[in-house]
């Protein structure tokens, strides 16, 4: 990027004389330049003469002019006081010429104003129309106030009445008793009783070597090389091109009668690609032939093996029975001792143990929709759902939960 300075001009508002930027006084009527007379660019900045004189260069690079606050005449940054009325530069200086926005700045400001108008229009539109949209929905529903409401709020909340309840208590009874079993010696448990051998039975088969079999096959082996000719491409130079060079000059006012012109150039780059040529080459390729060969492979036969088969007795926990109690009221109970009593008396050494399982169900009226079934986890929770009582339910992702009821605040005496 190259840089140069050119001289601007201004036109006298009194006599319309065109003055070069170096003059602060009209060369026609000798009136001092004032704020109404702006600096203008030459019609063709490309053909404007480059400033090379040292004195003019000092003016061009000294900074913007300042305007006397007393007589309103323009003065150079190099001047310590007003040459027209003698006022000090410190006491009476104001900018001689406001900075003019560049075309890009004007475009950006215009875009910002347009964007601001669009935002004001959207706010006004939604401020007027959104209340009507929200009020036109189904009665009892409220619009979401934030984007996260869909994930934090339950899918549906309703206050429903208990239609019916049911419960089922199951006691699973296992009995420790003597059972019959059988198997080979490795299957017999350590504490087996009344062990009896029942003769021999087939246990497994062994694979025994019975000789060898000659297997003939064909194998492909290398036998020498074959020379062949082929065509290939290899690098044999470069093909280069140069892009045209383009330069543009942009001039900006220094606000002191001169302008700074900067030249920016693009292009002029040289790019090359490799050039390939077709050549004839030779190479050796391995030659293969098929040969007949043979090998010995082992041959096996199956030999059955037998082992002693045993019968025995052993003590083991076995499922015996399930005893259930159920009902459709809140008064739940477990099977009584009489109901749990075995049909046949326990033999010597036998004993029983049991495991308990409880299941509860509450059915809520579904209005004009299917009924909703809720499953309490404990008897204490189940007994809070008296038939006819109302409760607040939440449905989220297909799962039903009950909102705990807040007890009423007690009045202080």
Protein backbone atom coordinates (compact mmCIF):
# COMPACT_ATOMS: atom_id res chain seq x y z
CA UNK A 1 0.00 0.00 0.00
CA UNK A 2 1.44 3.38 -1.08
CA UNK A 3 0.48 6.81 0.26
CA UNK A 4 0.70 10.36 -1.11
CA UNK A 5 -0.73 13.81 -0.40
CA UNK A 6 -2.67 16.02 -2.84
CA UNK A 7 -3.91 19.57 -2.51
CA UNK A 8 -7.63 20.35 -2.24
CA UNK A 9 -9.36 23.68 -3.00
CA UNK A 10 -12.06 25.95 -1.58
CA UNK A 11 -14.34 28.52 -3.18
CA UNK A 12 -14.69 32.00 -1.70
CA UNK A 13 -18.25 32.79 -0.65
CA UNK A 14 -17.68 36.50 -1.35
CA UNK A 15 -16.19 36.53 -4.85
CA UNK A 16 -16.55 32.87 -5.89
CA UNK A 17 -12.81 32.66 -6.54
CA UNK A 18 -11.37 29.13 -6.47
CA UNK A 19 -8.44 28.96 -4.06
CA UNK A 20 -5.88 26.25 -3.48
CA UNK A 21 -5.96 24.54 -0.09
CA UNK A 22 -2.61 26.11 0.95
CA UNK A 23 -4.20 29.58 1.15
CA UNK A 24 -6.12 30.72 4.23
CA UNK A 25 -7.05 34.05 2.55
CA UNK A 26 -8.94 34.38 -0.74
CA UNK A 27 -6.51 35.25 -3.53
CA UNK A 28 -9.25 37.22 -5.29
CA UNK A 29 -10.80 39.46 -2.60
CA UNK A 30 -8.34 38.93 0.28
CA UNK A 31 -11.12 37.82 2.69
CA UNK A 32 -10.13 35.20 5.31
CA UNK A 33 -11.55 31.68 4.88
CA UNK A 34 -14.50 31.06 7.24
CA UNK A 35 -16.68 28.13 8.27
CA UNK A 36 -19.08 28.38 5.31
CA UNK A 37 -16.31 27.58 2.81
CA UNK A 38 -15.62 23.84 2.80
CA UNK A 39 -12.63 22.09 1.23
CA UNK A 40 -13.43 20.22 -1.98
CA UNK A 41 -11.64 17.34 -3.68
CA UNK A 42 -10.23 17.74 -7.18
CA UNK A 43 -12.54 16.40 -9.90
CA UNK A 44 -10.00 13.69 -10.82
CA UNK A 45 -7.91 12.70 -7.81
CA UNK A 46 -5.88 10.22 -9.89
CA UNK A 47 -4.44 13.00 -12.03
CA UNK A 48 -3.97 15.43 -9.12
CA UNK A 49 -0.36 16.51 -8.54
CA UNK A 50 1.42 14.86 -5.61
CA UNK A 51 2.60 17.32 -2.95
CA UNK A 52 6.44 17.14 -2.74
CA UNK A 53 7.33 20.64 -1.45
CA UNK A 54 8.58 20.41 2.17
CA UNK A 55 6.59 23.44 3.34
CA UNK A 56 3.36 22.10 1.79
CA UNK A 57 4.02 18.63 3.21
CA UNK A 58 4.40 20.15 6.65
CA UNK A 59 0.97 21.81 6.23
CA UNK A 60 -0.59 18.57 4.94
CA UNK A 61 0.65 16.44 7.87
CA UNK A 62 0.28 19.01 10.69
CA UNK A 63 -3.33 18.00 11.51
CA UNK A 64 -6.78 19.55 10.96
CA UNK A 65 -7.31 23.32 10.96
CA UNK A 66 -8.95 25.11 13.86
CA UNK A 67 -11.44 27.97 13.82
CA UNK A 68 -11.06 31.15 15.79
CA UNK A 69 -13.90 31.53 18.28
CA UNK A 70 -13.74 35.34 18.02
CA UNK A 71 -13.55 36.16 14.28
CA UNK A 72 -14.57 32.69 12.95
CA UNK A 73 -11.66 32.53 10.51
CA UNK A 74 -9.86 29.24 9.79
CA UNK A 75 -6.29 28.83 11.09
CA UNK A 76 -3.70 26.08 10.60
CA UNK A 77 -2.68 23.65 13.34
CA UNK A 78 0.86 25.04 13.10
CA UNK A 79 -0.33 28.56 13.96
CA UNK A 80 -0.08 29.51 17.63
CA UNK A 81 -2.68 32.26 17.31
CA UNK A 82 -5.23 33.71 14.92
CA UNK A 83 -3.49 35.60 12.09
CA UNK A 84 -6.64 37.61 11.51
CA UNK A 85 -7.50 38.95 15.00
CA UNK A 86 -4.56 37.77 17.12
CA UNK A 87 -6.57 35.52 19.48
CA UNK A 88 -4.65 32.70 21.20
CA UNK A 89 -5.08 29.17 19.80
CA UNK A 90 -5.58 27.81 23.33
CA UNK A 91 -8.31 30.29 24.29
CA UNK A 92 -10.27 30.52 21.06
CA UNK A 93 -9.87 27.29 19.11
CA UNK A 94 -12.78 25.19 17.89
CA UNK A 95 -12.69 22.52 15.14
CA UNK A 96 -12.64 24.27 11.77
CA UNK A 97 -14.45 21.50 9.90
CA UNK A 98 -16.48 18.62 11.42
CA UNK A 99 -15.48 15.13 10.41
CA UNK A 100 -17.60 13.92 7.54
CA UNK A 101 -18.66 10.28 7.62
CA UNK A 102 -17.22 8.00 4.95
CA UNK A 103 -19.59 6.19 2.53
CA UNK A 104 -19.17 2.96 4.56
CA UNK A 105 -20.04 4.81 7.81
CA UNK A 106 -23.10 6.35 6.17
CA UNK A 107 -24.19 2.91 4.96
CA UNK A 108 -23.68 1.39 8.43
CA UNK A 109 -25.65 4.19 10.12
CA UNK A 110 -28.47 3.77 7.64
CA UNK A 111 -28.56 -0.02 8.29
CA UNK A 112 -28.62 0.57 12.06
CA UNK A 113 -31.54 3.01 11.72
CA UNK A 114 -33.41 0.51 9.55
CA UNK A 115 -32.77 -2.32 12.04
CA UNK A 116 -33.99 -0.09 14.89
CA UNK A 117 -37.23 0.59 12.98
CA UNK A 118 -37.80 -3.14 12.42
CA UNK A 119 -37.31 -3.87 16.15
CA UNK A 120 -39.76 -1.09 17.17
CA UNK A 121 -42.32 -2.43 14.66
CA UNK A 122 -42.04 -6.01 16.00
CA UNK A 123 -42.39 -4.84 19.62
CA UNK A 124 -45.46 -2.75 18.78
CA UNK A 125 -47.03 -5.57 16.70
CA UNK A 126 -46.63 -8.28 19.33
CA UNK A 127 -47.60 -5.89 22.13
CA UNK A 128 -50.96 -5.36 20.45
CA UNK A 129 -51.65 -8.83 19.05
CA UNK A 130 -50.20 -11.25 21.61
CA UNK A 131 -52.88 -10.55 24.30
CA UNK A 132 -55.63 -11.45 21.79
CA UNK A 133 -53.84 -14.68 20.82
CA UNK A 134 -53.42 -15.67 24.46
CA UNK A 135 -57.05 -14.93 25.30
CA UNK A 136 -58.38 -16.84 22.27
CA UNK A 137 -57.13 -20.21 23.60
CA UNK A 138 -59.14 -22.85 25.45
CA UNK A 139 -60.55 -21.79 28.79
CA UNK A 140 -58.41 -22.85 31.72
CA UNK A 141 -55.10 -22.95 29.82
CA UNK A 142 -52.35 -20.37 30.22
CA UNK A 143 -49.54 -19.56 27.71
CA UNK A 144 -45.95 -20.42 28.59
CA UNK A 145 -44.02 -17.40 29.87
CA UNK A 146 -40.56 -18.72 28.94
CA UNK A 147 -38.92 -21.17 26.55
CA UNK A 148 -38.06 -23.47 29.43
CA UNK A 149 -41.69 -23.78 30.61
CA UNK A 150 -42.25 -26.81 28.36
CA UNK A 151 -39.58 -28.76 30.19
CA UNK A 152 -40.01 -27.52 33.78
CA UNK A 153 -43.83 -27.51 34.03
CA UNK A 154 -45.87 -30.77 34.14
CA UNK A 155 -47.63 -31.80 30.96
CA UNK A 156 -51.01 -31.69 32.71
CA UNK A 157 -52.34 -30.91 36.18
CA UNK A 158 -55.91 -31.80 37.23
CA UNK A 159 -57.93 -32.09 40.44
CA UNK A 160 -59.90 -35.37 40.32
CA UNK A 161 -62.10 -37.44 42.63
CA UNK A 162 -61.28 -40.97 43.81
CA UNK A 163 -63.66 -43.43 42.13
CA UNK A 164 -62.53 -46.74 43.65
CA UNK A 165 -59.61 -48.36 45.49
CA UNK A 166 -58.24 -51.91 45.65
CA UNK A 167 -55.43 -53.76 47.37
CA UNK A 168 -53.79 -57.18 47.30
CA UNK A 169 -51.39 -58.68 49.88
CA UNK A 170 -49.47 -61.80 48.83
CA UNK A 171 -47.41 -64.08 51.08
CA UNK A 172 -45.09 -66.39 49.10
CA UNK A 173 -44.20 -69.49 51.20
CA UNK A 174 -41.08 -71.63 50.62
CA UNK A 175 -40.52 -74.99 52.34
CA UNK A 176 -37.16 -76.49 53.27
CA UNK A 177 -37.64 -80.18 52.53
CA UNK A 178 -35.95 -83.34 51.39
CA UNK A 179 -36.14 -83.81 47.59
CA UNK A 180 -34.96 -86.52 45.17
CA UNK A 181 -32.25 -85.80 42.61
CA UNK A 182 -29.89 -87.74 40.32
CA UNK A 183 -26.81 -87.30 38.15
CA UNK A 184 -23.13 -88.14 37.73
CA UNK A 185 -20.63 -87.88 40.52
CA UNK A 186 -19.61 -84.31 39.63
CA UNK A 187 -23.28 -83.23 39.84
CA UNK A 188 -23.80 -84.59 43.36
CA UNK A 189 -23.82 -81.95 46.16
CA UNK A 190 -21.57 -82.29 49.17
CA UNK A 191 -24.43 -82.84 51.65
CA UNK A 192 -26.28 -85.49 49.61
CA UNK A 193 -28.07 -88.25 51.58
CA UNK A 194 -28.95 -91.85 50.74
CA UNK A 195 -26.59 -91.94 47.74
CA UNK A 196 -27.05 -95.05 45.54
CA UNK A 197 -25.20 -96.12 42.40
CA UNK A 198 -27.55 -96.95 39.50
CA UNK A 199 -25.09 -98.50 37.07
CA UNK A 200 -23.24 -97.05 34.08
CA UNK A 201 -24.57 -94.45 31.64
CA UNK A 202 -23.11 -92.61 28.65
CA UNK A 203 -21.10 -89.67 29.93
CA UNK A 204 -19.22 -88.24 26.90
CA UNK A 205 -17.32 -89.13 23.68
CA UNK A 206 -13.52 -88.99 23.28
CA UNK A 207 -11.87 -88.22 19.92
CA UNK A 208 -9.16 -90.87 19.37
CA UNK A 209 -6.53 -90.75 16.56
CA UNK A 210 -7.36 -93.45 14.01
CA UNK A 211 -4.62 -92.80 11.41
CA UNK A 212 -3.84 -90.29 8.66
CA UNK A 213 -5.34 -89.39 5.30
CA UNK A 214 -3.35 -88.18 2.27
CA UNK A 215 -4.87 -84.93 0.93
CA UNK A 216 -3.79 -83.63 -2.48
CA UNK A 217 -4.09 -79.94 -3.37
CA UNK A 218 -2.87 -77.32 -5.86
CA UNK A 219 -0.60 -74.46 -4.73
CA UNK A 220 0.37 -71.39 -6.78
CA UNK A 221 4.13 -70.69 -6.56
CA UNK A 222 6.45 -68.08 -8.15
CA UNK A 223 8.74 -69.14 -10.98
CA UNK A 224 10.89 -66.27 -12.29
CA UNK A 225 9.82 -62.87 -13.71
CA UNK A 226 8.26 -61.44 -16.87
CA UNK A 227 9.40 -58.08 -18.36
CA UNK A 228 6.54 -55.87 -19.58
CA UNK A 229 6.35 -52.40 -21.15
CA UNK A 230 3.86 -49.78 -19.99
CA UNK A 231 3.09 -46.06 -20.36
CA UNK A 232 3.35 -43.68 -17.39
CA UNK A 233 3.27 -39.94 -16.70
CA UNK A 234 6.04 -38.00 -14.97
CA UNK A 235 6.74 -34.33 -14.23
CA UNK A 236 8.50 -32.54 -17.10
CA UNK A 237 8.16 -28.84 -16.24
CA UNK A 238 5.68 -26.19 -15.11
CA UNK A 239 2.93 -24.10 -16.67
CA UNK A 240 2.72 -20.67 -15.03
CA UNK A 241 0.25 -17.78 -15.26
CA UNK A 242 0.22 -14.30 -13.71
CA UNK A 243 -3.03 -12.66 -12.60
CA UNK A 244 -3.55 -9.04 -13.77
CA UNK A 245 -2.60 -6.43 -11.24
CA UNK A 246 -5.32 -3.91 -10.33
CA UNK A 247 -4.80 -0.83 -8.20
CA UNK A 248 -7.32 1.62 -6.74
CA UNK A 249 -6.73 4.91 -4.96
CA UNK A 250 -8.91 6.37 -2.17
CA UNK A 251 -8.42 9.93 -0.94
CA UNK A 252 -9.49 11.23 2.49
CA UNK A 253 -9.55 14.88 3.53
CA UNK A 254 -7.05 15.95 6.21
CA UNK A 255 -9.36 18.91 7.03
CA UNK A 256 -6.52 21.35 6.40
CA UNK A 257 -6.66 21.95 2.61
CA UNK A 258 -4.90 18.69 1.75
CA UNK A 259 -5.92 15.07 1.36
CA UNK A 260 -4.17 11.76 1.96
CA UNK A 261 -4.50 9.30 -0.92
CA UNK A 262 -3.79 5.60 -0.36
CA UNK A 263 -3.33 3.15 -3.22
CA UNK A 264 -4.31 -0.50 -2.72
CA UNK A 265 -3.31 -3.10 -5.30
CA UNK A 266 -4.60 -6.64 -5.87
CA UNK A 267 -3.49 -9.36 -8.26
CA UNK A 268 -0.09 -9.65 -9.84
CA UNK A 269 0.42 -13.10 -8.34
CA UNK A 270 2.19 -15.85 -10.21
CA UNK A 271 0.78 -19.40 -9.97
CA UNK A 272 2.27 -22.54 -11.49
CA UNK A 273 1.02 -26.08 -12.10
CA UNK A 274 3.14 -29.11 -12.77
CA UNK A 275 3.21 -30.32 -16.38
CA UNK A 276 3.24 -34.08 -16.96
CA UNK A 277 4.59 -35.95 -19.98
CA UNK A 278 3.83 -39.51 -21.14
CA UNK A 279 6.87 -41.83 -21.13
CA UNK A 280 7.49 -45.51 -21.86
CA UNK A 281 8.81 -47.64 -18.97
CA UNK A 282 9.65 -51.27 -18.24
CA UNK A 283 9.07 -53.35 -15.16
CA UNK A 284 9.41 -56.93 -13.97
CA UNK A 285 6.31 -58.80 -12.91
CA UNK A 286 6.53 -62.11 -10.98
CA UNK A 287 5.40 -65.23 -12.91
CA UNK A 288 3.33 -67.86 -11.08
CA UNK A 289 2.63 -71.53 -11.86
CA UNK A 290 0.34 -74.16 -10.29
CA UNK A 291 1.97 -77.16 -8.63
CA UNK A 292 0.34 -80.35 -7.33
CA UNK A 293 1.19 -81.14 -3.71
CA UNK A 294 0.00 -83.42 -0.90
CA UNK A 295 -0.14 -83.44 2.91
CA UNK A 296 -1.07 -85.85 5.71
CA UNK A 297 -4.08 -84.91 7.82
CA UNK A 298 -4.99 -86.77 11.05
CA UNK A 299 -8.19 -88.85 11.15
CA UNK A 300 -10.16 -89.27 14.40
CA UNK A 301 -12.92 -91.60 15.61
CA UNK A 302 -15.41 -91.09 18.46
CA UNK A 303 -15.14 -93.46 21.42
CA UNK A 304 -18.05 -93.39 23.93
CA UNK A 305 -17.13 -93.18 27.61
CA UNK A 306 -19.38 -94.21 30.50
CA UNK A 307 -19.58 -93.18 34.17
CA UNK A 308 -21.59 -94.22 37.23
CA UNK A 309 -25.06 -92.70 37.57
CA UNK A 310 -26.26 -91.90 41.12
CA UNK A 311 -29.52 -91.11 42.89
CA UNK A 312 -29.66 -89.20 46.20
CA UNK A 313 -31.72 -87.01 48.45
CA UNK A 314 -30.88 -83.45 49.55
CA UNK A 315 -32.39 -80.65 51.62
CA UNK A 316 -33.48 -77.70 49.46
CA UNK A 317 -35.71 -74.60 49.67
CA UNK A 318 -38.64 -75.09 47.26
CA UNK A 319 -41.64 -72.83 46.51
CA UNK A 320 -44.69 -74.35 48.14
CA UNK A 321 -47.67 -71.96 47.84
CA UNK A 322 -48.93 -68.36 47.56
CA UNK A 323 -51.52 -67.10 50.04
CA UNK A 324 -53.39 -63.90 49.03
CA UNK A 325 -55.75 -61.43 50.69
CA UNK A 326 -57.46 -58.62 48.75
CA UNK A 327 -60.23 -56.07 49.02
CA UNK A 328 -61.79 -52.86 47.68
CA UNK A 329 -61.78 -50.76 50.86
CA UNK A 330 -59.10 -48.85 52.74
CA UNK A 331 -59.12 -51.53 55.49
CA UNK A 332 -56.27 -53.76 54.29
CA UNK A 333 -54.98 -56.86 56.07
CA UNK A 334 -52.42 -59.63 55.60
CA UNK A 335 -53.35 -63.35 55.46
CA UNK A 336 -53.97 -64.70 58.97
CA UNK A 337 -51.93 -67.43 60.64
CA UNK A 338 -54.79 -69.83 60.02
CA UNK A 339 -54.69 -69.04 56.29
CA UNK A 340 -50.90 -69.46 56.24
CA UNK A 341 -51.05 -72.83 58.04
CA UNK A 342 -49.86 -75.63 55.67
CA UNK A 343 -52.39 -78.14 54.42
CA UNK A 344 -50.06 -81.00 55.42
CA UNK A 345 -48.10 -80.93 58.66
CA UNK A 346 -44.36 -80.37 58.44
CA UNK A 347 -42.24 -83.50 58.58
CA UNK A 348 -39.18 -83.93 60.72
CA UNK A 349 -36.48 -81.44 59.68
CA UNK A 350 -38.80 -79.41 57.45
CA UNK A 351 -39.34 -75.69 57.98
CA UNK A 352 -40.93 -72.74 56.14
CA UNK A 353 -40.14 -69.12 55.34
CA UNK A 354 -42.15 -66.49 53.54
CA UNK A 355 -41.80 -63.23 51.62
CA UNK A 356 -44.48 -60.52 51.47
CA UNK A 357 -45.56 -58.38 48.55
CA UNK A 358 -48.17 -55.58 48.62
CA UNK A 359 -49.91 -53.94 45.67
CA UNK A 360 -52.28 -50.96 45.87
CA UNK A 361 -54.38 -49.23 43.19
CA UNK A 362 -56.44 -46.00 43.18
CA UNK A 363 -58.77 -45.17 40.27
CA UNK A 364 -59.67 -41.50 39.65
CA UNK A 365 -62.66 -40.25 37.63
CA UNK A 366 -61.40 -39.04 34.25
CA UNK A 367 -64.26 -36.60 33.48
CA UNK A 368 -64.92 -37.06 29.76
CA UNK A 369 -61.57 -38.84 29.36
CA UNK A 370 -60.43 -42.37 30.37
CA UNK A 371 -59.98 -42.98 34.11
CA UNK A 372 -56.52 -42.45 35.63
CA UNK A 373 -54.95 -45.19 37.76
CA UNK A 374 -52.42 -44.32 40.45
CA UNK A 375 -50.30 -46.89 42.35
CA UNK A 376 -49.35 -45.91 45.93
CA UNK A 377 -46.14 -47.39 47.24
CA UNK A 378 -47.07 -47.93 50.89
CA UNK A 379 -50.19 -48.79 52.92
CA UNK A 380 -49.94 -45.43 54.71
CA UNK A 381 -50.05 -43.58 51.40
CA UNK A 382 -52.89 -45.82 50.09
CA UNK A 383 -55.12 -45.05 53.09
CA UNK A 384 -55.04 -41.30 52.27
CA UNK A 385 -57.21 -41.88 49.18
CA UNK A 386 -60.69 -42.34 50.59
CA UNK A 387 -63.39 -42.91 47.90
CA UNK A 388 -65.00 -39.57 47.02
CA UNK A 389 -62.00 -37.46 48.17
CA UNK A 390 -60.33 -35.08 45.70
CA UNK A 391 -56.61 -34.85 44.93
CA UNK A 392 -54.41 -32.89 42.52
CA UNK A 393 -52.66 -35.12 39.94
CA UNK A 394 -49.80 -34.35 37.58
CA UNK A 395 -49.10 -36.23 34.37
CA UNK A 396 -45.60 -35.84 32.94
CA UNK A 397 -44.17 -38.08 30.23
CA UNK A 398 -46.89 -40.66 30.90
CA UNK A 399 -46.15 -40.91 34.65
CA UNK A 400 -48.84 -40.00 37.21
CA UNK A 401 -47.92 -38.36 40.51
CA UNK A 402 -50.01 -36.81 43.31
CA UNK A 403 -49.28 -33.29 44.54
CA UNK A 404 -48.96 -33.34 48.38
CA UNK A 405 -51.71 -31.41 50.10
CA UNK A 406 -50.59 -28.45 52.23
CA UNK A 407 -52.21 -28.52 55.67
CA UNK A 408 -54.22 -25.37 56.51
CA UNK A 409 -52.39 -22.81 58.63
CA UNK A 410 -53.45 -22.82 62.27
CA UNK A 411 -54.65 -19.53 63.66
CA UNK A 412 -52.53 -18.20 66.53
CA UNK A 413 -54.49 -17.37 69.72
